[in-house]
PDB file of all heavy atoms in Angstrom:
ATOM      1  N   ILE A   1       0.855  -1.191  -0.005  1.00  0.00           N
ATOM      2  CA  ILE A   1      -0.006   0.006  -0.021  1.00  0.00           C
ATOM      3  C   ILE A   1       0.879   1.284   0.001  1.00  0.00           C
ATOM      4  O   ILE A   1       0.583   2.229  -0.712  1.00  0.00           O
ATOM      5  CB  ILE A   1      -0.965  -0.046   1.187  1.00  0.00           C
ATOM      6  CG1 ILE A   1      -1.996  -1.175   1.042  1.00  0.00           C
ATOM      7  CG2 ILE A   1      -1.677   1.325   1.379  1.00  0.00           C
ATOM      8  CD1 ILE A   1      -2.910  -1.073  -0.203  1.00  0.00           C
ATOM      9  N   ILE A   2       1.976   1.248   0.756  1.00  0.00           N
ATOM     10  CA  ILE A   2       2.876   2.382   0.748  1.00  0.00           C
ATOM     11  C   ILE A   2       3.421   2.591  -0.654  1.00  0.00           C
ATOM     12  O   ILE A   2       3.452   3.727  -1.148  1.00  0.00           O
ATOM     13  CB  ILE A   2       4.053   2.135   1.744  1.00  0.00           C
ATOM     14  CG1 ILE A   2       3.542   2.176   3.178  1.00  0.00           C
ATOM     15  CG2 ILE A   2       5.145   3.193   1.579  1.00  0.00           C
ATOM     16  CD1 ILE A   2       4.569   1.884   4.256  1.00  0.00           C
ATOM     17  N   ASP A   3       3.786   1.483  -1.323  1.00  0.00           N
ATOM     18  CA  ASP A   3       4.336   1.602  -2.692  1.00  0.00           C
ATOM     19  C   ASP A   3       3.237   2.212  -3.593  1.00  0.00           C
ATOM     20  O   ASP A   3       3.604   3.067  -4.463  1.00  0.00           O
ATOM     21  CB  ASP A   3       4.737   0.242  -3.236  1.00  0.00           C
ATOM     22  CG  ASP A   3       5.999  -0.272  -2.499  1.00  0.00           C
ATOM     23  OD1 ASP A   3       6.677   0.559  -1.847  1.00  0.00           O
ATOM     24  OD2 ASP A   3       6.254  -1.481  -2.604  1.00  0.00           O
ATOM     25  N   GLU A   4       2.001   1.832  -3.462  1.00  0.00           N
ATOM     26  CA  GLU A   4       0.935   2.387  -4.307  1.00  0.00           C
ATOM     27  C   GLU A   4       0.702   3.864  -3.955  1.00  0.00           C
ATOM     28  O   GLU A   4       0.445   4.670  -4.850  1.00  0.00           O
ATOM     29  CB  GLU A   4      -0.358   1.586  -4.065  1.00  0.00           C
ATOM     30  CG  GLU A   4      -1.422   1.772  -5.080  1.00  0.00           C
ATOM     31  CD  GLU A   4      -1.067   1.435  -6.528  1.00  0.00           C
ATOM     32  OE1 GLU A   4      -0.193   0.541  -6.744  1.00  0.00           O
ATOM     33  OE2 GLU A   4      -1.628   2.066  -7.445  1.00  0.00           O
ATOM     34  N   TYR A   5       0.809   4.215  -2.694  1.00  0.00           N
ATOM     35  CA  TYR A   5       0.664   5.623  -2.290  1.00  0.00           C
ATOM     36  C   TYR A   5       1.700   6.527  -2.854  1.00  0.00           C
ATOM     37  O   TYR A   5       1.542   7.724  -2.953  1.00  0.00           O
ATOM     38  CB  TYR A   5       0.636   5.749  -0.731  1.00  0.00           C
ATOM     39  CG  TYR A   5      -0.730   5.818  -0.143  1.00  0.00           C
ATOM     40  CD1 TYR A   5      -1.116   4.979   0.929  1.00  0.00           C
ATOM     41  CD2 TYR A   5      -1.656   6.773  -0.577  1.00  0.00           C
ATOM     42  CE1 TYR A   5      -2.378   5.070   1.505  1.00  0.00           C
ATOM     43  CE2 TYR A   5      -2.924   6.866  -0.038  1.00  0.00           C
ATOM     44  CZ  TYR A   5      -3.294   6.000   1.020  1.00  0.00           C
ATOM     45  OH  TYR A   5      -4.565   6.103   1.576  1.00  0.00           O
ATOM     46  N   LYS A   6       2.874   5.945  -3.255  1.00  0.00           N
ATOM     47  CA  LYS A   6       3.899   6.788  -3.884  1.00  0.00           C
ATOM     48  C   LYS A   6       3.385   7.370  -5.196  1.00  0.00           C
ATOM     49  O   LYS A   6       3.949   8.356  -5.670  1.00  0.00           O
ATOM     50  CB  LYS A   6       5.159   5.938  -4.071  1.00  0.00           C
ATOM     51  CG  LYS A   6       5.898   5.649  -2.765  1.00  0.00           C
ATOM     52  CD  LYS A   6       7.101   4.742  -2.928  1.00  0.00           C
ATOM     53  CE  LYS A   6       7.678   4.445  -1.544  1.00  0.00           C
ATOM     54  NZ  LYS A   6       8.686   3.376  -1.598  1.00  0.00           N
ATOM     55  N   LYS A   7       2.324   6.776  -5.782  1.00  0.00           N
ATOM     56  CA  LYS A   7       1.708   7.338  -7.006  1.00  0.00           C
ATOM     57  C   LYS A   7       0.677   8.414  -6.678  1.00  0.00           C
ATOM     58  O   LYS A   7       0.073   8.976  -7.552  1.00  0.00           O
ATOM     59  CB  LYS A   7       1.030   6.235  -7.779  1.00  0.00           C
ATOM     60  CG  LYS A   7       1.983   5.101  -8.220  1.00  0.00           C
ATOM     61  CD  LYS A   7       1.207   3.964  -8.891  1.00  0.00           C
ATOM     62  CE  LYS A   7       2.034   2.740  -8.997  1.00  0.00           C
ATOM     63  NZ  LYS A   7       1.189   1.566  -9.326  1.00  0.00           N
ATOM     64  N   GLY A   8       0.447   8.660  -5.359  1.00  0.00           N
ATOM     65  CA  GLY A   8      -0.546   9.699  -4.986  1.00  0.00           C
ATOM     66  C   GLY A   8      -1.619   9.098  -4.075  1.00  0.00           C
ATOM     67  O   GLY A   8      -1.782   7.891  -3.955  1.00  0.00           O
ATOM     68  N   GLY A   9      -2.372  10.006  -3.502  1.00  0.00           N
ATOM     69  CA  GLY A   9      -3.461   9.594  -2.591  1.00  0.00           C
ATOM     70  C   GLY A   9      -3.553  10.538  -1.427  1.00  0.00           C
ATOM     71  O   GLY A   9      -2.836  11.523  -1.363  1.00  0.00           O
ATOM     72  N   THR A  10      -4.478  10.191  -0.521  1.00  0.00           N
ATOM     73  CA  THR A  10      -4.710  11.016   0.658  1.00  0.00           C
ATOM     74  C   THR A  10      -4.771  10.147   1.874  1.00  0.00           C
ATOM     75  O   THR A  10      -5.863   9.913   2.469  1.00  0.00           O
ATOM     76  CB  THR A  10      -6.028  11.816   0.508  1.00  0.00           C
ATOM     77  OG1 THR A  10      -7.081  10.873   0.217  1.00  0.00           O
ATOM     78  CG2 THR A  10      -5.951  12.798  -0.663  1.00  0.00           C
ATOM     79  N   PRO A  11      -3.637   9.626   2.317  1.00  0.00           N
ATOM     80  CA  PRO A  11      -3.659   8.655   3.447  1.00  0.00           C
ATOM     81  C   PRO A  11      -4.251   9.242   4.734  1.00  0.00           C
ATOM     82  O   PRO A  11      -4.764   8.477   5.573  1.00  0.00           O
ATOM     83  CB  PRO A  11      -2.187   8.256   3.629  1.00  0.00           C
ATOM     84  CG  PRO A  11      -1.407   9.323   2.901  1.00  0.00           C
ATOM     85  CD  PRO A  11      -2.276   9.807   1.818  1.00  0.00           C
ATOM     86  N   TRP A  12      -4.176  10.584   4.862  1.00  0.00           N
ATOM     87  CA  TRP A  12      -4.733  11.175   6.077  1.00  0.00           C
ATOM     88  C   TRP A  12      -6.272  11.044   6.187  1.00  0.00           C
ATOM     89  O   TRP A  12      -6.863  11.287   7.261  1.00  0.00           O
ATOM     90  CB  TRP A  12      -4.317  12.650   6.236  1.00  0.00           C
ATOM     91  CG  TRP A  12      -4.707  13.511   5.073  1.00  0.00           C
ATOM     92  CD1 TRP A  12      -5.863  14.259   4.975  1.00  0.00           C
ATOM     93  CD2 TRP A  12      -3.981  13.724   3.855  1.00  0.00           C
ATOM     94  NE1 TRP A  12      -5.883  14.915   3.761  1.00  0.00           N
ATOM     95  CE2 TRP A  12      -4.754  14.601   3.046  1.00  0.00           C
ATOM     96  CE3 TRP A  12      -2.744  13.229   3.359  1.00  0.00           C
ATOM     97  CZ2 TRP A  12      -4.318  15.029   1.763  1.00  0.00           C
ATOM     98  CZ3 TRP A  12      -2.353  13.659   2.120  1.00  0.00           C
ATOM     99  CH2 TRP A  12      -3.123  14.542   1.324  1.00  0.00           C
ATOM    100  N   LEU A  13      -6.894  10.605   5.083  1.00  0.00           N
ATOM    101  CA  LEU A  13      -8.345  10.376   5.129  1.00  0.00           C
ATOM    102  C   LEU A  13      -8.723   8.917   5.450  1.00  0.00           C
ATOM    103  O   LEU A  13      -9.865   8.617   5.601  1.00  0.00           O
ATOM    104  CB  LEU A  13      -8.974  10.796   3.765  1.00  0.00           C
ATOM    105  CG  LEU A  13      -8.801  12.255   3.372  1.00  0.00           C
ATOM    106  CD1 LEU A  13      -9.464  12.496   2.008  1.00  0.00           C
ATOM    107  CD2 LEU A  13      -9.326  13.200   4.419  1.00  0.00           C
ATOM    108  N   ASP A  14      -7.693   8.055   5.497  1.00  0.00           N
ATOM    109  CA  ASP A  14      -7.988   6.636   5.840  1.00  0.00           C
ATOM    110  C   ASP A  14      -8.637   6.575   7.220  1.00  0.00           C
ATOM    111  O   ASP A  14      -8.220   7.261   8.141  1.00  0.00           O
ATOM    112  CB  ASP A  14      -6.697   5.815   5.804  1.00  0.00           C
ATOM    113  CG  ASP A  14      -6.177   5.635   4.385  1.00  0.00           C
ATOM    114  OD1 ASP A  14      -6.925   5.858   3.416  1.00  0.00           O
ATOM    115  OD2 ASP A  14      -4.948   5.335   4.263  1.00  0.00           O
ATOM    116  N   HIS A  15      -9.646   5.751   7.329  1.00  0.00           N
ATOM    117  CA  HIS A  15     -10.417   5.566   8.563  1.00  0.00           C
ATOM    118  C   HIS A  15     -11.148   6.845   8.998  1.00  0.00           C
ATOM    119  O   HIS A  15     -11.568   6.987  10.148  1.00  0.00           O
ATOM    120  CB  HIS A  15      -9.520   4.998   9.697  1.00  0.00           C
ATOM    121  CG  HIS A  15      -9.205   3.538   9.462  1.00  0.00           C
ATOM    122  ND1 HIS A  15     -10.101   2.544   9.791  1.00  0.00           N
ATOM    123  CD2 HIS A  15      -8.196   2.935   8.818  1.00  0.00           C
ATOM    124  CE1 HIS A  15      -9.549   1.369   9.417  1.00  0.00           C
ATOM    125  NE2 HIS A  15      -8.408   1.618   8.814  1.00  0.00           N
ATOM    126  N   ARG A  16     -11.272   7.766   8.049  1.00  0.00           N
ATOM    127  CA  ARG A  16     -12.119   8.927   8.290  1.00  0.00           C
ATOM    128  C   ARG A  16     -13.238   8.948   7.241  1.00  0.00           C
ATOM    129  O   ARG A  16     -14.308   9.532   7.448  1.00  0.00           O
ATOM    130  CB  ARG A  16     -11.319  10.219   8.185  1.00  0.00           C
ATOM    131  CG  ARG A  16     -10.367  10.407   9.336  1.00  0.00           C
ATOM    132  CD  ARG A  16     -10.038  11.866   9.579  1.00  0.00           C
ATOM    133  NE  ARG A  16      -9.310  12.041  10.829  1.00  0.00           N
ATOM    134  CZ  ARG A  16      -7.980  12.129  10.908  1.00  0.00           C
ATOM    135  NH1 ARG A  16      -7.260  12.042   9.801  1.00  0.00           N
ATOM    136  NH2 ARG A  16      -7.402  12.281  12.086  1.00  0.00           N
ATOM    137  N   HIS A  17     -12.937   8.385   6.071  1.00  0.00           N
ATOM    138  CA  HIS A  17     -13.924   8.334   4.981  1.00  0.00           C
ATOM    139  C   HIS A  17     -13.942   6.944   4.407  1.00  0.00           C
ATOM    140  O   HIS A  17     -12.917   6.321   4.181  1.00  0.00           O
ATOM    141  CB  HIS A  17     -13.527   9.307   3.873  1.00  0.00           C
ATOM    142  CG  HIS A  17     -13.608  10.781   4.305  1.00  0.00           C
ATOM    143  ND1 HIS A  17     -14.785  11.491   4.193  1.00  0.00           N
ATOM    144  CD2 HIS A  17     -12.666  11.603   4.885  1.00  0.00           C
ATOM    145  CE1 HIS A  17     -14.587  12.707   4.693  1.00  0.00           C
ATOM    146  NE2 HIS A  17     -13.312  12.782   5.129  1.00  0.00           N
ATOM    147  N   THR A  18     -15.163   6.422   4.161  1.00  0.00           N
ATOM    148  CA  THR A  18     -15.363   5.057   3.697  1.00  0.00           C
ATOM    149  C   THR A  18     -14.945   4.993   2.208  1.00  0.00           C
ATOM    150  O   THR A  18     -15.552   5.650   1.373  1.00  0.00           O
ATOM    151  CB  THR A  18     -16.834   4.629   3.854  1.00  0.00           C
ATOM    152  OG1 THR A  18     -17.172   4.692   5.250  1.00  0.00           O
ATOM    153  CG2 THR A  18     -17.060   3.246   3.285  1.00  0.00           C
ATOM    154  N   VAL A  19     -13.961   4.174   1.914  1.00  0.00           N
ATOM    155  CA  VAL A  19     -13.581   3.885   0.523  1.00  0.00           C
ATOM    156  C   VAL A  19     -14.497   2.744   0.044  1.00  0.00           C
ATOM    157  O   VAL A  19     -14.608   1.741   0.677  1.00  0.00           O
ATOM    158  CB  VAL A  19     -12.113   3.452   0.442  1.00  0.00           C
ATOM    159  CG1 VAL A  19     -11.742   3.082  -1.016  1.00  0.00           C
ATOM    160  CG2 VAL A  19     -11.185   4.546   0.957  1.00  0.00           C
ATOM    161  N   PHE A  20     -15.092   2.968  -1.158  1.00  0.00           N
ATOM    162  CA  PHE A  20     -16.027   1.888  -1.634  1.00  0.00           C
ATOM    163  C   PHE A  20     -15.825   1.589  -3.127  1.00  0.00           C
ATOM    164  O   PHE A  20     -16.508   0.755  -3.669  1.00  0.00           O
ATOM    165  CB  PHE A  20     -17.515   2.232  -1.326  1.00  0.00           C
ATOM    166  CG  PHE A  20     -18.034   3.430  -2.042  1.00  0.00           C
ATOM    167  CD1 PHE A  20     -18.753   3.276  -3.231  1.00  0.00           C
ATOM    168  CD2 PHE A  20     -17.827   4.703  -1.533  1.00  0.00           C
ATOM    169  CE1 PHE A  20     -19.273   4.414  -3.879  1.00  0.00           C
ATOM    170  CE2 PHE A  20     -18.346   5.837  -2.203  1.00  0.00           C
ATOM    171  CZ  PHE A  20     -19.052   5.649  -3.375  1.00  0.00           C
ATOM    172  N   GLY A  21     -14.814   2.185  -3.754  1.00  0.00           N
ATOM    173  CA  GLY A  21     -14.557   1.893  -5.121  1.00  0.00           C
ATOM    174  C   GLY A  21     -13.135   2.394  -5.502  1.00  0.00           C
ATOM    175  O   GLY A  21     -12.469   3.109  -4.751  1.00  0.00           O
ATOM    176  N   GLN A  22     -12.722   2.015  -6.715  1.00  0.00           N
ATOM    177  CA  GLN A  22     -11.396   2.409  -7.227  1.00  0.00           C
ATOM    178  C   GLN A  22     -11.488   2.567  -8.747  1.00  0.00           C
ATOM    179  O   GLN A  22     -12.091   1.737  -9.435  1.00  0.00           O
ATOM    180  CB  GLN A  22     -10.338   1.361  -6.868  1.00  0.00           C
ATOM    181  CG  GLN A  22      -8.934   1.671  -7.370  1.00  0.00           C
ATOM    182  CD  GLN A  22      -8.277   2.890  -6.680  1.00  0.00           C
ATOM    183  OE1 GLN A  22      -8.582   3.146  -5.521  1.00  0.00           O
ATOM    184  NE2 GLN A  22      -7.457   3.612  -7.421  1.00  0.00           N
ATOM    185  N   ILE A  23     -10.881   3.642  -9.227  1.00  0.00           N
ATOM    186  CA  ILE A  23     -10.901   3.903 -10.697  1.00  0.00           C
ATOM    187  C   ILE A  23     -10.224   2.778 -11.434  1.00  0.00           C
ATOM    188  O   ILE A  23      -9.200   2.261 -11.041  1.00  0.00           O
ATOM    189  CB  ILE A  23     -10.306   5.290 -10.991  1.00  0.00           C
ATOM    190  CG1 ILE A  23     -10.836   5.815 -12.316  1.00  0.00           C
ATOM    191  CG2 ILE A  23      -8.799   5.258 -10.918  1.00  0.00           C
ATOM    192  CD1 ILE A  23     -10.603   7.315 -12.476  1.00  0.00           C
ATOM    193  N   VAL A  24     -10.876   2.352 -12.520  1.00  0.00           N
ATOM    194  CA  VAL A  24     -10.289   1.284 -13.411  1.00  0.00           C
ATOM    195  C   VAL A  24      -9.789   1.971 -14.694  1.00  0.00           C
ATOM    196  O   VAL A  24      -8.789   1.583 -15.226  1.00  0.00           O
ATOM    197  CB  VAL A  24     -11.403   0.247 -13.736  1.00  0.00           C
ATOM    198  CG1 VAL A  24     -10.855  -0.825 -14.660  1.00  0.00           C
ATOM    199  CG2 VAL A  24     -12.008  -0.343 -12.494  1.00  0.00           C
ATOM    200  N   SER A  25     -10.562   2.938 -15.184  1.00  0.00           N
ATOM    201  CA  SER A  25     -10.134   3.696 -16.366  1.00  0.00           C
ATOM    202  C   SER A  25     -10.701   5.100 -16.279  1.00  0.00           C
ATOM    203  O   SER A  25     -11.726   5.301 -15.598  1.00  0.00           O
ATOM    204  CB  SER A  25     -10.614   2.984 -17.628  1.00  0.00           C
ATOM    205  OG  SER A  25     -12.030   2.973 -17.679  1.00  0.00           O
ATOM    206  N   GLY A  26     -10.033   6.039 -16.970  1.00  0.00           N
ATOM    207  CA  GLY A  26     -10.516   7.425 -16.954  1.00  0.00           C
ATOM    208  C   GLY A  26      -9.720   8.336 -16.059  1.00  0.00           C
ATOM    209  O   GLY A  26     -10.189   9.423 -15.651  1.00  0.00           O
ATOM    210  N   LEU A  27      -8.491   7.939 -15.691  1.00  0.00           N
ATOM    211  CA  LEU A  27      -7.682   8.847 -14.890  1.00  0.00           C
ATOM    212  C   LEU A  27      -7.418  10.204 -15.612  1.00  0.00           C
ATOM    213  O   LEU A  27      -7.323  11.200 -14.972  1.00  0.00           O
ATOM    214  CB  LEU A  27      -6.321   8.198 -14.614  1.00  0.00           C
ATOM    215  CG  LEU A  27      -6.130   7.457 -13.274  1.00  0.00           C
ATOM    216  CD1 LEU A  27      -4.748   6.831 -13.199  1.00  0.00           C
ATOM    217  CD2 LEU A  27      -6.389   8.345 -12.044  1.00  0.00           C
ATOM    218  N   ASP A  28      -7.366  10.126 -16.943  1.00  0.00           N
ATOM    219  CA  ASP A  28      -7.191  11.358 -17.721  1.00  0.00           C
ATOM    220  C   ASP A  28      -8.387  12.336 -17.496  1.00  0.00           C
ATOM    221  O   ASP A  28      -8.233  13.518 -17.331  1.00  0.00           O
ATOM    222  CB  ASP A  28      -7.009  11.039 -19.197  1.00  0.00           C
ATOM    223  CG  ASP A  28      -8.085  10.174 -19.761  1.00  0.00           C
ATOM    224  OD1 ASP A  28      -8.727   9.367 -19.011  1.00  0.00           O
ATOM    225  OD2 ASP A  28      -8.337  10.235 -21.001  1.00  0.00           O
ATOM    226  N   THR A  29      -9.578  11.736 -17.415  1.00  0.00           N
ATOM    227  CA  THR A  29     -10.759  12.545 -17.135  1.00  0.00           C
ATOM    228  C   THR A  29     -10.675  13.116 -15.713  1.00  0.00           C
ATOM    229  O   THR A  29     -10.981  14.328 -15.523  1.00  0.00           O
ATOM    230  CB  THR A  29     -12.080  11.695 -17.289  1.00  0.00           C
ATOM    231  OG1 THR A  29     -12.136  11.207 -18.625  1.00  0.00           O
ATOM    232  CG2 THR A  29     -13.300  12.471 -16.947  1.00  0.00           C
ATOM    233  N   LEU A  30     -10.307  12.323 -14.765  1.00  0.00           N
ATOM    234  CA  LEU A  30     -10.131  12.779 -13.392  1.00  0.00           C
ATOM    235  C   LEU A  30      -9.195  13.948 -13.317  1.00  0.00           C
ATOM    236  O   LEU A  30      -9.489  14.986 -12.671  1.00  0.00           O
ATOM    237  CB  LEU A  30      -9.644  11.623 -12.501  1.00  0.00           C
ATOM    238  CG  LEU A  30      -9.396  11.933 -11.046  1.00  0.00           C
ATOM    239  CD1 LEU A  30     -10.617  12.430 -10.296  1.00  0.00           C
ATOM    240  CD2 LEU A  30      -8.808  10.734 -10.314  1.00  0.00           C
ATOM    241  N   ASP A  31      -8.036  13.840 -14.006  1.00  0.00           N
ATOM    242  CA  ASP A  31      -7.049  14.910 -13.947  1.00  0.00           C
ATOM    243  C   ASP A  31      -7.507  16.167 -14.689  1.00  0.00           C
ATOM    244  O   ASP A  31      -7.198  17.274 -14.355  1.00  0.00           O
ATOM    245  CB  ASP A  31      -5.722  14.422 -14.533  1.00  0.00           C
ATOM    246  CG  ASP A  31      -5.034  13.465 -13.541  1.00  0.00           C
ATOM    247  OD1 ASP A  31      -5.329  13.520 -12.321  1.00  0.00           O
ATOM    248  OD2 ASP A  31      -4.234  12.614 -14.002  1.00  0.00           O
ATOM    249  N   LYS A  32      -8.286  15.929 -15.762  1.00  0.00           N
ATOM    250  CA  LYS A  32      -8.840  17.052 -16.517  1.00  0.00           C
ATOM    251  C   LYS A  32      -9.769  17.861 -15.629  1.00  0.00           C
ATOM    252  O   LYS A  32      -9.739  19.084 -15.593  1.00  0.00           O
ATOM    253  CB  LYS A  32      -9.632  16.521 -17.768  1.00  0.00           C
ATOM    254  CG  LYS A  32      -9.544  17.390 -19.012  1.00  0.00           C
ATOM    255  CD  LYS A  32     -10.468  16.936 -20.134  1.00  0.00           C
ATOM    256  CE  LYS A  32     -10.117  15.569 -20.703  1.00  0.00           C
ATOM    257  NZ  LYS A  32     -11.124  15.122 -21.691  1.00  0.00           N
ATOM    258  N   ILE A  33     -10.611  17.149 -14.832  1.00  0.00           N
ATOM    259  CA  ILE A  33     -11.501  17.819 -13.930  1.00  0.00           C
ATOM    260  C   ILE A  33     -10.688  18.496 -12.827  1.00  0.00           C
ATOM    261  O   ILE A  33     -10.964  19.639 -12.401  1.00  0.00           O
ATOM    262  CB  ILE A  33     -12.558  16.854 -13.330  1.00  0.00           C
ATOM    263  CG1 ILE A  33     -13.474  16.310 -14.453  1.00  0.00           C
ATOM    264  CG2 ILE A  33     -13.404  17.517 -12.241  1.00  0.00           C
ATOM    265  CD1 ILE A  33     -14.376  15.183 -14.070  1.00  0.00           C
ATOM    266  N   GLY A  34      -9.665  17.800 -12.359  1.00  0.00           N
ATOM    267  CA  GLY A  34      -8.770  18.396 -11.312  1.00  0.00           C
ATOM    268  C   GLY A  34      -8.147  19.707 -11.736  1.00  0.00           C
ATOM    269  O   GLY A  34      -7.770  20.533 -10.915  1.00  0.00           O
ATOM    270  N   ASP A  35      -7.963  19.839 -13.075  1.00  0.00           N
ATOM    271  CA  ASP A  35      -7.306  21.034 -13.590  1.00  0.00           C
ATOM    272  C   ASP A  35      -8.285  22.222 -13.869  1.00  0.00           C
ATOM    273  O   ASP A  35      -7.804  23.267 -14.315  1.00  0.00           O
ATOM    274  CB  ASP A  35      -6.627  20.692 -14.923  1.00  0.00           C
ATOM    275  CG  ASP A  35      -5.248  20.071 -14.679  1.00  0.00           C
ATOM    276  OD1 ASP A  35      -4.656  20.345 -13.625  1.00  0.00           O
ATOM    277  OD2 ASP A  35      -4.783  19.295 -15.537  1.00  0.00           O
ATOM    278  N   VAL A  36      -9.567  22.037 -13.684  1.00  0.00           N
ATOM    279  CA  VAL A  36     -10.507  23.139 -14.062  1.00  0.00           C
ATOM    280  C   VAL A  36     -10.240  24.381 -13.179  1.00  0.00           C
ATOM    281  O   VAL A  36      -9.775  24.278 -12.032  1.00  0.00           O
ATOM    282  CB  VAL A  36     -11.962  22.734 -13.981  1.00  0.00           C
ATOM    283  CG1 VAL A  36     -12.244  21.561 -14.909  1.00  0.00           C
ATOM    284  CG2 VAL A  36     -12.435  22.454 -12.574  1.00  0.00           C
ATOM    285  N   GLU A  37     -10.616  25.532 -13.735  1.00  0.00           N
ATOM    286  CA  GLU A  37     -10.436  26.778 -12.978  1.00  0.00           C
ATOM    287  C   GLU A  37     -11.554  26.815 -11.926  1.00  0.00           C
ATOM    288  O   GLU A  37     -12.731  26.512 -12.217  1.00  0.00           O
ATOM    289  CB  GLU A  37     -10.614  27.953 -13.978  1.00  0.00           C
ATOM    290  CG  GLU A  37     -10.124  29.241 -13.381  1.00  0.00           C
ATOM    291  CD  GLU A  37     -10.351  30.398 -14.379  1.00  0.00           C
ATOM    292  OE1 GLU A  37     -10.431  30.172 -15.615  1.00  0.00           O
ATOM    293  OE2 GLU A  37     -10.451  31.529 -13.893  1.00  0.00           O
ATOM    294  N   THR A  38     -11.211  27.193 -10.716  1.00  0.00           N
ATOM    295  CA  THR A  38     -12.178  27.215  -9.608  1.00  0.00           C
ATOM    296  C   THR A  38     -12.302  28.640  -9.037  1.00  0.00           C
ATOM    297  O   THR A  38     -11.381  29.431  -9.100  1.00  0.00           O
ATOM    298  CB  THR A  38     -11.804  26.225  -8.507  1.00  0.00           C
ATOM    299  OG1 THR A  38     -10.471  26.493  -8.113  1.00  0.00           O
ATOM    300  CG2 THR A  38     -11.934  24.780  -8.973  1.00  0.00           C
ATOM    301  N   LEU A  39     -13.439  28.860  -8.397  1.00  0.00           N
ATOM    302  CA  LEU A  39     -13.743  30.096  -7.697  1.00  0.00           C
ATOM    303  C   LEU A  39     -13.141  29.995  -6.272  1.00  0.00           C
ATOM    304  O   LEU A  39     -12.714  28.915  -5.872  1.00  0.00           O
ATOM    305  CB  LEU A  39     -15.247  30.279  -7.658  1.00  0.00           C
ATOM    306  CG  LEU A  39     -15.871  30.358  -9.018  1.00  0.00           C
ATOM    307  CD1 LEU A  39     -17.387  30.224  -8.958  1.00  0.00           C
ATOM    308  CD2 LEU A  39     -15.503  31.674  -9.764  1.00  0.00           C
ATOM    309  N   PRO A  40     -13.123  31.054  -5.504  1.00  0.00           N
ATOM    310  CA  PRO A  40     -12.496  30.998  -4.181  1.00  0.00           C
ATOM    311  C   PRO A  40     -13.048  29.898  -3.243  1.00  0.00           C
ATOM    312  O   PRO A  40     -12.333  29.418  -2.375  1.00  0.00           O
ATOM    313  CB  PRO A  40     -12.838  32.374  -3.567  1.00  0.00           C
ATOM    314  CG  PRO A  40     -12.915  33.255  -4.765  1.00  0.00           C
ATOM    315  CD  PRO A  40     -13.529  32.462  -5.838  1.00  0.00           C
ATOM    316  N   ASN A  41     -14.284  29.434  -3.427  1.00  0.00           N
ATOM    317  CA  ASN A  41     -14.805  28.367  -2.550  1.00  0.00           C
ATOM    318  C   ASN A  41     -14.576  26.955  -3.150  1.00  0.00           C
ATOM    319  O   ASN A  41     -15.287  26.007  -2.766  1.00  0.00           O
ATOM    320  CB  ASN A  41     -16.321  28.582  -2.321  1.00  0.00           C
ATOM    321  CG  ASN A  41     -17.108  28.574  -3.584  1.00  0.00           C
ATOM    322  OD1 ASN A  41     -16.569  28.496  -4.671  1.00  0.00           O
ATOM    323  ND2 ASN A  41     -18.442  28.699  -3.460  1.00  0.00           N
ATOM    324  N   ASP A  42     -13.635  26.835  -4.067  1.00  0.00           N
ATOM    325  CA  ASP A  42     -13.324  25.537  -4.744  1.00  0.00           C
ATOM    326  C   ASP A  42     -14.380  25.038  -5.673  1.00  0.00           C
ATOM    327  O   ASP A  42     -14.369  23.893  -6.107  1.00  0.00           O
ATOM    328  CB  ASP A  42     -12.986  24.441  -3.708  1.00  0.00           C
ATOM    329  CG  ASP A  42     -11.854  24.840  -2.780  1.00  0.00           C
ATOM    330  OD1 ASP A  42     -10.866  25.409  -3.236  1.00  0.00           O
ATOM    331  OD2 ASP A  42     -11.990  24.582  -1.548  1.00  0.00           O
ATOM    332  N   LYS A  43     -15.397  25.879  -5.952  1.00  0.00           N
ATOM    333  CA  LYS A  43     -16.412  25.475  -6.912  1.00  0.00           C
ATOM    334  C   LYS A  43     -15.907  25.787  -8.321  1.00  0.00           C
ATOM    335  O   LYS A  43     -15.403  26.879  -8.594  1.00  0.00           O
ATOM    336  CB  LYS A  43     -17.690  26.245  -6.652  1.00  0.00           C
ATOM    337  CG  LYS A  43     -18.939  25.707  -7.274  1.00  0.00           C
ATOM    338  CD  LYS A  43     -20.189  26.517  -6.856  1.00  0.00           C
ATOM    339  CE  LYS A  43     -21.399  26.129  -7.639  1.00  0.00           C
ATOM    340  NZ  LYS A  43     -22.009  24.856  -7.230  1.00  0.00           N
TER     341      LYS A  43
END
């Protein structure tokens, strides 16, 4: 798991938020959304 986390993640949320799925394809879409311009409230 440590090795996988080297590719990224948010370990500080473990045991605070229920993980119930994992991306299989579409990481490019995820990153495209991550790159959108946001307003001051992260919207």
